[in-house]
Amino acid sequence: MARHNLEASKILSKEERVDAFGKRMNVAIRRAGGATVMSEKAGVSTSVLRKWRAGQSEPTLSSLVSMARAADLSVEWLATGEGTPEAGPAVGQRLIDLDVLEDVIIRTRRISEHKGMVLKPEAEARIIRLVYEFSMRQGQPMDDTSLNNIIELTSL
């Protein structure tokens, strides 16, 4: 795994400023683990990949996004050659900790079910968002008593 990452770094350092889409596709395919892996991850055939690499056709926007995600590359860089190859959250987006989010959802539902409450989806979503944001800011989960109080307040 470390060797693959090292090889991917070498590829990017050599071809970081590649202007031709076909060459950027080569970088993406290598980063994804090869043409077969890229085709599986992006949901396109290897023959379609070959056509894109050769400049015989162009990918749709959704295919371009799928390829960038499969290779962990920036969509902007893959599409235009501008910016940096490294993928990251889009402007204005934050990274989401899915484990924390899952924990908040489970705890919220358990407490509301234990109380015999049926929350409207909008109310449940607001609670989950509030508790998730609190947990992320504090760096630790909200205690059950506070979560219980928030759920009770939504029933008023």
C-alpha atoms as a PDB file:
ATOM      1  CA  MET A   1       0.000   0.000   0.000  1.00  0.00           C
ATOM      2  CA  ALA A   2       2.773   2.425   0.919  1.00  0.00           C
ATOM      3  CA  ARG A   3       4.593   1.562  -2.300  1.00  0.00           C
ATOM      4  CA  HIS A   4       1.469   2.352  -4.354  1.00  0.00           C
ATOM      5  CA  ASN A   5       1.133   5.740  -2.618  1.00  0.00           C
ATOM      6  CA  LEU A   6       4.803   6.469  -3.254  1.00  0.00           C
ATOM      7  CA  GLU A   7       4.400   5.565  -6.927  1.00  0.00           C
ATOM      8  CA  ALA A   8       1.306   7.763  -7.179  1.00  0.00           C
ATOM      9  CA  SER A   9       3.281  10.652  -5.673  1.00  0.00           C
ATOM     10  CA  LYS A  10       6.003  10.191  -8.290  1.00  0.00           C
ATOM     11  CA  ILE A  11       3.405  10.170 -11.054  1.00  0.00           C
ATOM     12  CA  LEU A  12       1.833  13.368  -9.827  1.00  0.00           C
ATOM     13  CA  SER A  13       5.115  15.168  -9.317  1.00  0.00           C
ATOM     14  CA  LYS A  14       6.147  14.357 -12.887  1.00  0.00           C
ATOM     15  CA  GLU A  15       2.799  15.130 -14.524  1.00  0.00           C
ATOM     16  CA  GLU A  16       1.312  17.729 -12.195  1.00  0.00           C
ATOM     17  CA  ARG A  17       1.066  20.382 -14.878  1.00  0.00           C
ATOM     18  CA  VAL A  18      -0.181  18.219 -17.672  1.00  0.00           C
ATOM     19  CA  ASP A  19      -2.223  20.171 -20.200  1.00  0.00           C
ATOM     20  CA  ALA A  20      -3.545  17.283 -22.295  1.00  0.00           C
ATOM     21  CA  PHE A  21      -6.635  15.560 -20.969  1.00  0.00           C
ATOM     22  CA  GLY A  22      -5.365  12.146 -22.100  1.00  0.00           C
ATOM     23  CA  LYS A  23      -2.250  12.515 -19.966  1.00  0.00           C
ATOM     24  CA  ARG A  24      -4.333  13.563 -16.957  1.00  0.00           C
ATOM     25  CA  MET A  25      -6.464  10.477 -17.605  1.00  0.00           C
ATOM     26  CA  ASN A  26      -3.300   8.361 -17.456  1.00  0.00           C
ATOM     27  CA  VAL A  27      -2.515   9.835 -14.044  1.00  0.00           C
ATOM     28  CA  ALA A  28      -6.089   9.154 -12.883  1.00  0.00           C
ATOM     29  CA  ILE A  29      -6.011   5.583 -14.135  1.00  0.00           C
ATOM     30  CA  ARG A  30      -2.689   4.886 -12.412  1.00  0.00           C
ATOM     31  CA  ARG A  31      -3.974   6.485  -9.198  1.00  0.00           C
ATOM     32  CA  ALA A  32      -7.116   4.339  -9.321  1.00  0.00           C
ATOM     33  CA  GLY A  33      -5.030   1.164  -9.679  1.00  0.00           C
ATOM     34  CA  GLY A  34      -5.216   0.557 -13.423  1.00  0.00           C
ATOM     35  CA  ALA A  35      -7.738   0.761 -16.241  1.00  0.00           C
ATOM     36  CA  THR A  36      -9.790  -2.207 -15.065  1.00  0.00           C
ATOM     37  CA  VAL A  37     -10.106  -0.842 -11.543  1.00  0.00           C
ATOM     38  CA  MET A  38     -10.910   2.639 -12.869  1.00  0.00           C
ATOM     39  CA  SER A  39     -13.594   1.286 -15.188  1.00  0.00           C
ATOM     40  CA  GLU A  40     -15.207  -0.617 -12.306  1.00  0.00           C
ATOM     41  CA  LYS A  41     -15.057   2.319  -9.887  1.00  0.00           C
ATOM     42  CA  ALA A  42     -16.221   4.885 -12.433  1.00  0.00           C
ATOM     43  CA  GLY A  43     -18.850   2.642 -13.985  1.00  0.00           C
ATOM     44  CA  VAL A  44     -17.549   2.806 -17.557  1.00  0.00           C
ATOM     45  CA  SER A  45     -15.970   0.259 -19.864  1.00  0.00           C
ATOM     46  CA  THR A  46     -12.251   0.075 -20.500  1.00  0.00           C
ATOM     47  CA  SER A  47     -12.929   0.743 -24.198  1.00  0.00           C
ATOM     48  CA  VAL A  48     -14.604   4.035 -23.259  1.00  0.00           C
ATOM     49  CA  LEU A  49     -11.568   4.912 -21.136  1.00  0.00           C
ATOM     50  CA  ARG A  50      -9.332   4.256 -24.133  1.00  0.00           C
ATOM     51  CA  LYS A  51     -11.419   6.585 -26.303  1.00  0.00           C
ATOM     52  CA  TRP A  52     -11.206   9.342 -23.695  1.00  0.00           C
ATOM     53  CA  ARG A  53      -7.449   8.881 -23.339  1.00  0.00           C
ATOM     54  CA  ALA A  54      -7.022   9.043 -27.119  1.00  0.00           C
ATOM     55  CA  GLY A  55      -9.214  12.140 -27.426  1.00  0.00           C
ATOM     56  CA  GLN A  56     -11.783  10.322 -29.583  1.00  0.00           C
ATOM     57  CA  SER A  57     -14.609  11.301 -27.234  1.00  0.00           C
ATOM     58  CA  GLU A  58     -15.140  13.190 -23.994  1.00  0.00           C
ATOM     59  CA  PRO A  59     -16.622  12.002 -20.709  1.00  0.00           C
ATOM     60  CA  THR A  60     -19.889  13.328 -19.353  1.00  0.00           C
ATOM     61  CA  LEU A  61     -19.725  15.456 -16.228  1.00  0.00           C
ATOM     62  CA  SER A  62     -20.944  12.591 -14.062  1.00  0.00           C
ATOM     63  CA  SER A  63     -18.299  10.251 -15.519  1.00  0.00           C
ATOM     64  CA  LEU A  64     -15.618  12.867 -14.927  1.00  0.00           C
ATOM     65  CA  VAL A  65     -16.688  13.212 -11.285  1.00  0.00           C
ATOM     66  CA  SER A  66     -16.755   9.418 -10.877  1.00  0.00           C
ATOM     67  CA  MET A  67     -13.236   9.108 -12.291  1.00  0.00           C
ATOM     68  CA  ALA A  68     -11.899  11.884 -10.086  1.00  0.00           C
ATOM     69  CA  ARG A  69     -13.392  10.223  -7.011  1.00  0.00           C
ATOM     70  CA  ALA A  70     -12.061   6.804  -8.041  1.00  0.00           C
ATOM     71  CA  ALA A  71      -8.550   8.240  -8.345  1.00  0.00           C
ATOM     72  CA  ASP A  72      -8.840  10.619  -5.378  1.00  0.00           C
ATOM     73  CA  LEU A  73      -8.108  13.555  -7.677  1.00  0.00           C
ATOM     74  CA  SER A  74      -9.562  17.024  -7.938  1.00  0.00           C
ATOM     75  CA  VAL A  75     -12.352  17.186 -10.523  1.00  0.00           C
ATOM     76  CA  GLU A  76     -11.114  20.623 -11.584  1.00  0.00           C
ATOM     77  CA  TRP A  77      -7.602  19.341 -12.197  1.00  0.00           C
ATOM     78  CA  LEU A  78      -8.790  16.259 -14.076  1.00  0.00           C
ATOM     79  CA  ALA A  79     -11.133  18.306 -16.269  1.00  0.00           C
ATOM     80  CA  THR A  80      -8.970  21.367 -16.930  1.00  0.00           C
ATOM     81  CA  GLY A  81      -5.438  20.776 -15.666  1.00  0.00           C
ATOM     82  CA  GLU A  82      -5.843  23.802 -13.385  1.00  0.00           C
ATOM     83  CA  GLY A  83      -5.468  23.786  -9.641  1.00  0.00           C
ATOM     84  CA  THR A  84      -3.869  20.925  -7.785  1.00  0.00           C
ATOM     85  CA  PRO A  85      -4.375  17.244  -8.498  1.00  0.00           C
ATOM     86  CA  GLU A  86      -5.120  16.426  -4.882  1.00  0.00           C
ATOM     87  CA  ALA A  87      -8.797  16.053  -4.052  1.00  0.00           C
ATOM     88  CA  GLY A  88     -10.249  17.860  -1.099  1.00  0.00           C
ATOM     89  CA  PRO A  89     -13.571  19.201   0.092  1.00  0.00           C
ATOM     90  CA  ALA A  90     -15.192  21.719  -2.235  1.00  0.00           C
ATOM     91  CA  VAL A  91     -15.186  25.358  -1.198  1.00  0.00           C
ATOM     92  CA  GLY A  92     -17.654  25.836   1.637  1.00  0.00           C
ATOM     93  CA  GLN A  93     -17.856  22.123   2.414  1.00  0.00           C
ATOM     94  CA  ARG A  94     -16.603  20.486   5.547  1.00  0.00           C
ATOM     95  CA  LEU A  95     -15.337  16.989   6.008  1.00  0.00           C
ATOM     96  CA  ILE A  96     -17.874  14.797   7.770  1.00  0.00           C
ATOM     97  CA  ASP A  97     -16.899  12.250  10.378  1.00  0.00           C
ATOM     98  CA  LEU A  98     -19.283   9.439   9.472  1.00  0.00           C
ATOM     99  CA  ASP A  99     -18.597   7.502  12.674  1.00  0.00           C
ATOM    100  CA  VAL A 100     -19.622  10.489  14.806  1.00  0.00           C
ATOM    101  CA  LEU A 101     -22.677  11.093  12.623  1.00  0.00           C
ATOM    102  CA  GLU A 102     -23.733   7.448  12.883  1.00  0.00           C
ATOM    103  CA  ASP A 103     -23.331   7.541  16.668  1.00  0.00           C
ATOM    104  CA  VAL A 104     -25.474  10.690  16.927  1.00  0.00           C
ATOM    105  CA  ILE A 105     -28.240   9.168  14.788  1.00  0.00           C
ATOM    106  CA  ILE A 106     -28.284   5.920  16.786  1.00  0.00           C
ATOM    107  CA  ARG A 107     -28.283   7.684  20.151  1.00  0.00           C
ATOM    108  CA  THR A 108     -30.988  10.145  19.089  1.00  0.00           C
ATOM    109  CA  ARG A 109     -33.249   7.363  17.844  1.00  0.00           C
ATOM    110  CA  ARG A 110     -32.661   5.162  20.893  1.00  0.00           C
ATOM    111  CA  ILE A 111     -33.546   7.943  23.323  1.00  0.00           C
ATOM    112  CA  SER A 112     -36.635   9.031  21.392  1.00  0.00           C
ATOM    113  CA  GLU A 113     -37.821   5.387  21.079  1.00  0.00           C
ATOM    114  CA  HIS A 114     -37.159   4.804  24.792  1.00  0.00           C
ATOM    115  CA  LYS A 115     -39.373   7.811  25.568  1.00  0.00           C
ATOM    116  CA  GLY A 116     -42.033   6.530  23.159  1.00  0.00           C
ATOM    117  CA  MET A 117     -41.658   9.641  21.002  1.00  0.00           C
ATOM    118  CA  VAL A 118     -42.127   9.660  17.271  1.00  0.00           C
ATOM    119  CA  LEU A 119     -40.194  12.622  15.901  1.00  0.00           C
ATOM    120  CA  LYS A 120     -41.093  14.279  12.648  1.00  0.00           C
ATOM    121  CA  PRO A 121     -38.246  13.801  10.155  1.00  0.00           C
ATOM    122  CA  GLU A 122     -37.557  17.555  10.160  1.00  0.00           C
ATOM    123  CA  ALA A 123     -37.276  17.649  13.952  1.00  0.00           C
ATOM    124  CA  GLU A 124     -35.086  14.544  14.021  1.00  0.00           C
ATOM    125  CA  ALA A 125     -32.816  16.021  11.355  1.00  0.00           C
ATOM    126  CA  ARG A 126     -32.443  19.284  13.322  1.00  0.00           C
ATOM    127  CA  ILE A 127     -31.584  17.396  16.504  1.00  0.00           C
ATOM    128  CA  ILE A 128     -29.040  15.231  14.712  1.00  0.00           C
ATOM    129  CA  ARG A 129     -27.432  18.266  13.086  1.00  0.00           C
ATOM    130  CA  LEU A 130     -27.284  20.200  16.359  1.00  0.00           C
ATOM    131  CA  VAL A 131     -25.828  17.288  18.329  1.00  0.00           C
ATOM    132  CA  TYR A 132     -23.386  16.394  15.544  1.00  0.00           C
ATOM    133  CA  GLU A 133     -22.096  19.983  15.289  1.00  0.00           C
ATOM    134  CA  PHE A 134     -21.793  20.166  19.068  1.00  0.00           C
ATOM    135  CA  SER A 135     -19.839  16.894  19.143  1.00  0.00           C
ATOM    136  CA  MET A 136     -17.490  18.044  16.388  1.00  0.00           C
ATOM    137  CA  ARG A 137     -16.827  21.415  18.059  1.00  0.00           C
ATOM    138  CA  GLN A 138     -16.288  19.883  21.500  1.00  0.00           C
ATOM    139  CA  GLY A 139     -14.291  16.957  20.208  1.00  0.00           C
ATOM    140  CA  GLN A 140     -16.421  14.557  22.222  1.00  0.00           C
ATOM    141  CA  PRO A 141     -19.972  13.214  22.159  1.00  0.00           C
ATOM    142  CA  MET A 142     -22.786  15.128  23.828  1.00  0.00           C
ATOM    143  CA  ASP A 143     -23.779  13.501  27.121  1.00  0.00           C
ATOM    144  CA  ASP A 144     -27.069  11.562  27.206  1.00  0.00           C
ATOM    145  CA  THR A 145     -28.719  13.968  29.662  1.00  0.00           C
ATOM    146  CA  SER A 146     -28.187  16.935  27.344  1.00  0.00           C
ATOM    147  CA  LEU A 147     -29.296  14.924  24.319  1.00  0.00           C
ATOM    148  CA  ASN A 148     -32.387  13.800  26.259  1.00  0.00           C
ATOM    149  CA  ASN A 149     -33.191  17.443  27.114  1.00  0.00           C
ATOM    150  CA  ILE A 150     -32.892  18.492  23.468  1.00  0.00           C
ATOM    151  CA  ILE A 151     -35.235  15.702  22.384  1.00  0.00           C
ATOM    152  CA  GLU A 152     -37.767  16.686  25.071  1.00  0.00           C
ATOM    153  CA  LEU A 153     -37.654  20.310  23.961  1.00  0.00           C
ATOM    154  CA  THR A 154     -38.640  19.311  20.435  1.00  0.00           C
ATOM    155  CA  SER A 155     -41.845  17.759  21.752  1.00  0.00           C
ATOM    156  CA  LEU A 156     -43.065  21.084  23.186  1.00  0.00           C
END
